[in-house]
C-alpha cells in the first residue's frame, strides 16, 4: 500500500470516527476485526497459536477475541479524536484508586503497568487528571499515525517518552521526583533486554525494564487496566498494587509481573490482544531450554 493510499484511508477513517458514538466505533471495530481475520492468514495463525499456547481452545472465545481485537484498535483511534473531557467522562467506575492516592500522599513514585487488556488508552488519560504521568511509547509503523497518536495521548498531565534510552532516563527521573510513569509490560523486548519467564505455563521473552524500575527506592508498582463495558456503556478501571514476594532479583520480579498479568487476563480473556505473537522467539534471542530441547 502506497503512502498516498494510506493517507487517504486514514483521513476517511478519521472522518467516519469523528461522527460515531463509542458504541458505533466499537461495532465498526468488531466488523473490521473479522475483516482482518479473514484477510490475513498470518494473523489467523498468530492469534490461534497464541490462544492455544495459553490454554484457551474454545471456539466461542476465539470468536469473541476476533471481534474485540478490532474494537481495541478502532476504539483507540476514536478516543484520540475525542475532547479530553469526554474521554475521561467515559470512566464509569474505578476500583483500587485508594492505593494510588496513598502512594501520592506519601510522596512515592508510582509505576503503572498497563497490559494490552481492555482499553489501555484510557487508563493514562484518566489517571493524569490527578498527577503528572510520563508514558513510554513506540511510534506506530505507519508514520501518518504519529501526529494522531501524539495529539491523542499527550493530554491532561501526560508526557510521552520514546521507547529508547532517552525515554528510560525520563522515566527514572520522573520516579525520582515522586511522579508517576507508565508502560506496557507485555511487549516483547529486543535481545539483551529481557529474560525467559513463565506466562500461562510457557516461557516467554519478558522485558526486564518494568522489574528494574520497580526496584528503585520509594516506588509503588500498580497494575491498571480499563475493562470495556457492554454495549458502549464506557469503562471500568482497575488499579491493583503489586505485592512483591520479597526476592529482589530482576528475573524473579519479571516472572511475578507475568503471574499478576495472567491473573487479570483470566478475568476477561476476550479483551486481551491475543493476536500479538507473545510466545514467539524473537530474532537474536536464544530459545529457552524447553524449546531448545523440544
Protein backbone atom coordinates (compact mmCIF):
# COMPACT_ATOMS: atom_id res chain seq x y z
CA UNK A 1 0.00 0.00 0.00
CA UNK A 2 1.43 3.36 -1.00
CA UNK A 3 1.80 6.31 1.34
CA UNK A 4 -0.82 8.24 -0.62
CA UNK A 5 -3.36 5.45 -0.33
CA UNK A 6 -2.68 5.09 3.42
CA UNK A 7 -3.14 8.84 3.87
CA UNK A 8 -6.48 8.80 2.04
CA UNK A 9 -7.71 5.80 4.04
CA UNK A 10 -6.68 7.34 7.36
CA UNK A 11 -8.39 10.61 6.50
CA UNK A 12 -11.54 8.73 5.57
CA UNK A 13 -11.39 6.71 8.79
CA UNK A 14 -10.85 9.88 10.80
CA UNK A 15 -13.91 11.47 9.16
CA UNK A 16 -16.04 8.42 9.95
CA UNK A 17 -14.84 8.01 13.53
CA UNK A 18 -15.38 11.66 14.37
CA UNK A 19 -19.08 11.14 13.67
CA UNK A 20 -19.58 7.92 15.62
CA UNK A 21 -20.54 7.30 19.22
CA UNK A 22 -18.40 4.97 21.33
CA UNK A 23 -20.90 2.17 20.68
CA UNK A 24 -20.74 2.87 16.95
CA UNK A 25 -16.94 2.85 16.95
CA UNK A 26 -16.94 -0.47 18.79
CA UNK A 27 -19.37 -2.00 16.30
CA UNK A 28 -17.14 -0.82 13.46
CA UNK A 29 -14.15 -2.33 15.28
CA UNK A 30 -15.81 -5.73 15.58
CA UNK A 31 -16.59 -5.72 11.89
CA UNK A 32 -13.02 -4.75 10.97
CA UNK A 33 -11.71 -7.39 13.36
CA UNK A 34 -13.42 -10.04 11.28
CA UNK A 35 -12.22 -8.46 8.05
CA UNK A 36 -8.66 -8.62 9.38
CA UNK A 37 -9.15 -12.26 10.42
CA UNK A 38 -10.47 -13.28 7.01
CA UNK A 39 -7.88 -11.31 5.02
CA UNK A 40 -4.66 -12.32 6.79
CA UNK A 41 -3.52 -15.93 7.08
CA UNK A 42 -0.58 -14.84 9.22
CA UNK A 43 -2.86 -13.07 11.68
CA UNK A 44 -5.15 -16.12 11.86
CA UNK A 45 -2.15 -18.31 12.61
CA UNK A 46 -0.66 -15.99 15.24
CA UNK A 47 -3.94 -15.47 17.07
CA UNK A 48 -4.86 -19.15 17.07
CA UNK A 49 -1.38 -20.25 18.18
CA UNK A 50 -1.19 -17.69 20.97
CA UNK A 51 -4.60 -18.69 22.33
CA UNK A 52 -3.63 -22.37 22.17
CA UNK A 53 -0.30 -21.77 23.94
CA UNK A 54 -2.19 -20.02 26.74
CA UNK A 55 -4.57 -22.96 27.08
CA UNK A 56 -7.65 -21.37 25.52
CA UNK A 57 -9.11 -23.69 22.90
CA UNK A 58 -12.81 -22.75 22.99
CA UNK A 59 -14.09 -21.65 19.59
CA UNK A 60 -16.62 -19.33 21.23
CA UNK A 61 -13.82 -17.46 22.99
CA UNK A 62 -11.82 -17.19 19.78
CA UNK A 63 -14.81 -15.64 18.03
CA UNK A 64 -15.15 -13.04 20.77
CA UNK A 65 -11.43 -12.33 20.63
CA UNK A 66 -11.56 -11.70 16.88
CA UNK A 67 -14.19 -9.02 17.35
CA UNK A 68 -12.71 -7.47 20.49
CA UNK A 69 -9.28 -7.17 18.89
CA UNK A 70 -10.79 -4.99 16.20
CA UNK A 71 -12.55 -2.99 18.89
CA UNK A 72 -9.29 -2.39 20.71
CA UNK A 73 -7.72 -0.83 17.61
CA UNK A 74 -10.66 1.28 16.41
CA UNK A 75 -11.58 2.31 19.94
CA UNK A 76 -8.08 3.73 20.48
CA UNK A 77 -8.28 5.78 17.30
CA UNK A 78 -11.74 7.02 18.29
CA UNK A 79 -10.54 8.10 21.74
CA UNK A 80 -7.64 10.08 20.25
CA UNK A 81 -10.18 12.18 18.35
CA UNK A 82 -12.48 12.96 21.28
CA UNK A 83 -12.21 16.01 23.56
CA UNK A 84 -10.30 15.22 26.73
CA UNK A 85 -13.28 15.91 28.99
CA UNK A 86 -15.42 13.46 27.03
CA UNK A 87 -12.76 10.75 27.19
CA UNK A 88 -12.38 10.83 30.97
CA UNK A 89 -16.17 11.01 31.42
CA UNK A 90 -16.41 7.54 29.84
CA UNK A 91 -14.91 6.02 33.00
CA UNK A 92 -17.98 4.83 34.88
CA UNK A 93 -16.32 3.32 37.94
CA UNK A 94 -12.86 2.85 39.44
CA UNK A 95 -11.54 0.10 41.70
CA UNK A 96 -8.36 0.29 43.79
CA UNK A 97 -7.62 4.00 43.47
CA UNK A 98 -7.04 4.21 47.23
CA UNK A 99 -3.61 2.60 46.84
CA UNK A 100 -2.60 5.19 44.26
CA UNK A 101 -3.83 8.03 46.46
CA UNK A 102 -1.86 6.67 49.42
CA UNK A 103 1.33 6.48 47.35
CA UNK A 104 0.84 10.04 46.18
CA UNK A 105 0.26 11.25 49.74
CA UNK A 106 3.49 9.60 50.92
CA UNK A 107 5.48 11.18 48.08
CA UNK A 108 6.40 7.87 46.45
CA UNK A 109 6.82 7.37 42.73
CA UNK A 110 4.23 5.21 41.00
CA UNK A 111 4.99 2.68 38.29
CA UNK A 112 1.82 1.91 36.34
CA UNK A 113 1.94 -1.36 34.39
CA UNK A 114 -0.78 -1.47 31.74
CA UNK A 115 -1.13 -4.74 29.78
CA UNK A 116 -2.77 -5.00 26.35
CA UNK A 117 -6.04 -5.77 28.10
CA UNK A 118 -9.27 -3.92 27.52
CA UNK A 119 -8.89 -0.24 26.71
CA UNK A 120 -5.36 0.63 27.76
CA UNK A 121 -5.54 4.05 26.07
CA UNK A 122 -7.98 5.45 28.59
CA UNK A 123 -6.07 4.47 31.73
CA UNK A 124 -3.27 7.02 31.43
CA UNK A 125 -5.59 9.84 30.33
CA UNK A 126 -7.85 9.28 33.34
CA UNK A 127 -5.02 8.89 35.89
CA UNK A 128 -3.24 12.00 34.58
CA UNK A 129 -6.07 14.14 35.95
CA UNK A 130 -4.57 13.58 39.41
CA UNK A 131 -0.80 13.62 38.77
CA UNK A 132 1.96 14.19 36.23
CA UNK A 133 2.37 10.98 34.25
CA UNK A 134 5.20 10.05 31.85
CA UNK A 135 4.28 7.24 29.48
CA UNK A 136 6.67 5.17 27.39
CA UNK A 137 5.55 4.67 23.80
CA UNK A 138 6.70 3.26 20.48
CA UNK A 139 5.76 5.19 17.32
CA UNK A 140 3.38 3.23 15.09
CA UNK A 141 4.71 1.58 11.95
CA UNK A 142 2.60 3.94 9.84
CA UNK A 143 4.27 7.37 10.13
CA UNK A 144 1.00 9.06 9.17
CA UNK A 145 -0.40 7.96 12.55
CA UNK A 146 2.34 9.61 14.63
CA UNK A 147 0.74 13.11 14.87
CA UNK A 148 -2.62 11.47 15.55
CA UNK A 149 -1.13 9.36 18.35
CA UNK A 150 0.81 12.19 19.96
CA UNK A 151 -2.18 14.53 19.94
CA UNK A 152 -4.41 11.82 21.39
CA UNK A 153 -2.11 10.60 24.14
CA UNK A 154 -0.23 13.72 25.29
CA UNK A 155 -3.19 15.35 27.05
CA UNK A 156 -4.05 16.27 30.59
CA UNK A 157 -0.92 15.61 32.62
CA UNK A 158 0.51 13.01 30.21
CA UNK A 159 4.02 13.40 28.82
CA UNK A 160 5.29 10.95 26.20
CA UNK A 161 8.73 9.34 26.37
CA UNK A 162 10.19 7.42 23.41
CA UNK A 163 10.93 3.72 23.87
CA UNK A 164 14.71 4.17 23.84
CA UNK A 165 17.45 5.05 26.32
CA UNK A 166 16.45 8.70 26.47
CA UNK A 167 12.88 7.68 27.26
CA UNK A 168 14.02 5.32 30.01
CA UNK A 169 16.03 8.18 31.53
CA UNK A 170 12.84 10.26 31.51
CA UNK A 171 11.03 7.52 33.43
CA UNK A 172 13.79 7.21 36.01
CA UNK A 173 13.91 10.98 36.53
CA UNK A 174 10.13 11.17 36.96
CA UNK A 175 10.12 8.38 39.55
CA UNK A 176 12.91 10.09 41.49
CA UNK A 177 10.76 13.23 41.59
CA UNK A 178 7.94 11.18 43.11
CA UNK A 179 5.85 11.30 39.94
CA UNK A 180 4.08 8.53 38.03
CA UNK A 181 5.22 6.66 34.93
CA UNK A 182 3.52 4.07 32.78
CA UNK A 183 4.46 1.36 30.33
CA UNK A 184 3.12 -1.78 28.64
CA UNK A 185 4.86 -4.71 30.39
CA UNK A 186 3.75 -7.42 27.94
CA UNK A 187 5.60 -6.16 24.88
CA UNK A 188 8.35 -8.45 23.61
CA UNK A 189 11.73 -6.76 24.17
CA UNK A 190 14.81 -6.92 21.99
CA UNK A 191 17.73 -9.28 22.56
CA UNK A 192 19.60 -8.27 25.72
CA UNK A 193 16.56 -6.51 27.21
CA UNK A 194 14.64 -9.48 28.57
CA UNK A 195 14.61 -12.80 30.38
CA UNK A 196 12.66 -16.01 29.86
CA UNK A 197 9.80 -16.16 32.37
CA UNK A 198 6.61 -18.25 32.59
CA UNK A 199 3.38 -16.89 31.17
CA UNK A 200 0.32 -19.16 31.12
CA UNK A 201 2.64 -22.06 31.83
CA UNK A 202 5.06 -21.44 28.98
CA UNK A 203 8.28 -19.42 28.84
CA UNK A 204 8.02 -16.05 27.07
CA UNK A 205 10.73 -13.48 26.43
CA UNK A 206 9.84 -10.89 29.07
CA UNK A 207 11.06 -7.33 29.44
CA UNK A 208 13.27 -6.52 32.43
CA UNK A 209 12.63 -2.77 32.34
CA UNK A 210 9.46 -2.96 34.44
CA UNK A 211 11.21 -5.11 37.05
CA UNK A 212 14.24 -2.82 37.19
CA UNK A 213 12.09 0.29 37.63
CA UNK A 214 10.12 -1.43 40.39
CA UNK A 215 13.37 -1.93 42.32
CA UNK A 216 14.03 1.81 42.58
CA UNK A 217 13.60 3.15 46.09
CA UNK A 218 10.22 4.59 47.12
CA UNK A 219 8.35 3.24 44.10
CA UNK A 220 4.92 1.61 44.27
CA UNK A 221 4.04 -0.69 41.37
CA UNK A 222 0.40 -0.75 40.26
CA UNK A 223 -1.21 -2.81 37.51
CA UNK A 224 -4.04 -0.92 35.79
CA UNK A 225 -6.41 -1.90 33.02
CA UNK A 226 -9.59 -0.50 31.52
CA UNK A 227 -12.41 -3.03 31.38
CA UNK A 228 -14.68 -2.50 28.38
CA UNK A 229 -18.32 -2.44 29.48
CA UNK A 230 -21.06 -3.94 27.26
CA UNK A 231 -22.98 -2.02 24.61
CA UNK A 232 -20.70 1.01 24.50
CA UNK A 233 -21.51 1.91 28.12
CA UNK A 234 -17.93 3.06 28.86
CA UNK A 235 -15.17 1.60 31.01
CA UNK A 236 -14.38 0.37 34.50
CA UNK A 237 -10.78 1.00 35.64
CA UNK A 238 -8.97 -1.49 37.88
CA UNK A 239 -5.92 -0.39 39.90
CA UNK A 240 -4.11 -3.16 41.81
CA UNK A 241 -0.80 -2.64 43.66
CA UNK A 242 1.70 -5.45 43.23
CA UNK A 243 2.63 -7.22 46.49
CA UNK A 244 6.20 -8.31 45.82
CA UNK A 245 7.40 -11.68 47.07
CA UNK A 246 10.48 -10.15 48.71
CA UNK A 247 13.05 -11.52 46.25
CA UNK A 248 14.65 -8.51 44.56
CA UNK A 249 16.23 -10.39 41.65
CA UNK A 250 15.18 -8.83 38.35
CA UNK A 251 14.31 -12.22 36.81
CA UNK A 252 12.13 -13.11 39.81
CA UNK A 253 10.24 -9.84 39.59
CA UNK A 254 9.77 -10.20 35.84
CA UNK A 255 8.21 -13.61 36.44
CA UNK A 256 5.97 -12.24 39.17
CA UNK A 257 4.74 -9.47 36.86
CA UNK A 258 3.77 -12.13 34.32
CA UNK A 259 1.83 -14.01 37.01
CA UNK A 260 -0.04 -10.87 38.04
CA UNK A 261 -0.91 -10.05 34.41
CA UNK A 262 -2.09 -13.60 33.86
CA UNK A 263 -4.48 -13.32 36.80
CA UNK A 264 -6.09 -10.19 35.37
CA UNK A 265 -6.22 -11.56 31.81
CA UNK A 266 -8.13 -14.61 33.04
CA UNK A 267 -10.86 -12.27 34.29
CA UNK A 268 -11.59 -11.04 30.76
CA UNK A 269 -9.63 -13.17 28.25
CA UNK A 270 -11.72 -11.96 25.30
CA UNK A 271 -10.38 -8.43 25.86
CA UNK A 272 -6.69 -9.36 25.64
CA UNK A 273 -4.61 -8.77 22.50
CA UNK A 274 -4.02 -12.41 21.58
CA UNK A 275 -3.04 -11.51 18.03
CA UNK A 276 0.30 -10.28 19.36
CA UNK A 277 2.72 -13.25 18.98
CA UNK A 278 3.73 -13.27 22.63
CA UNK A 279 5.11 -16.82 22.61
CA UNK A 280 7.44 -16.43 19.62
CA UNK A 281 11.23 -16.47 20.00
CA UNK A 282 12.47 -13.00 18.95
CA UNK A 283 15.28 -12.57 16.45
CA UNK A 284 18.70 -12.80 18.06
CA UNK A 285 17.41 -14.42 21.24
CA UNK A 286 18.44 -17.96 22.23
CA UNK A 287 15.32 -20.08 22.82
CA UNK A 288 14.52 -21.28 26.34
CA UNK A 289 15.80 -24.67 27.39
CA UNK A 290 12.34 -26.25 26.91
CA UNK A 291 12.21 -25.08 23.28
CA UNK A 292 15.84 -25.85 22.53
CA UNK A 293 15.40 -29.47 23.61
CA UNK A 294 11.83 -29.91 22.50
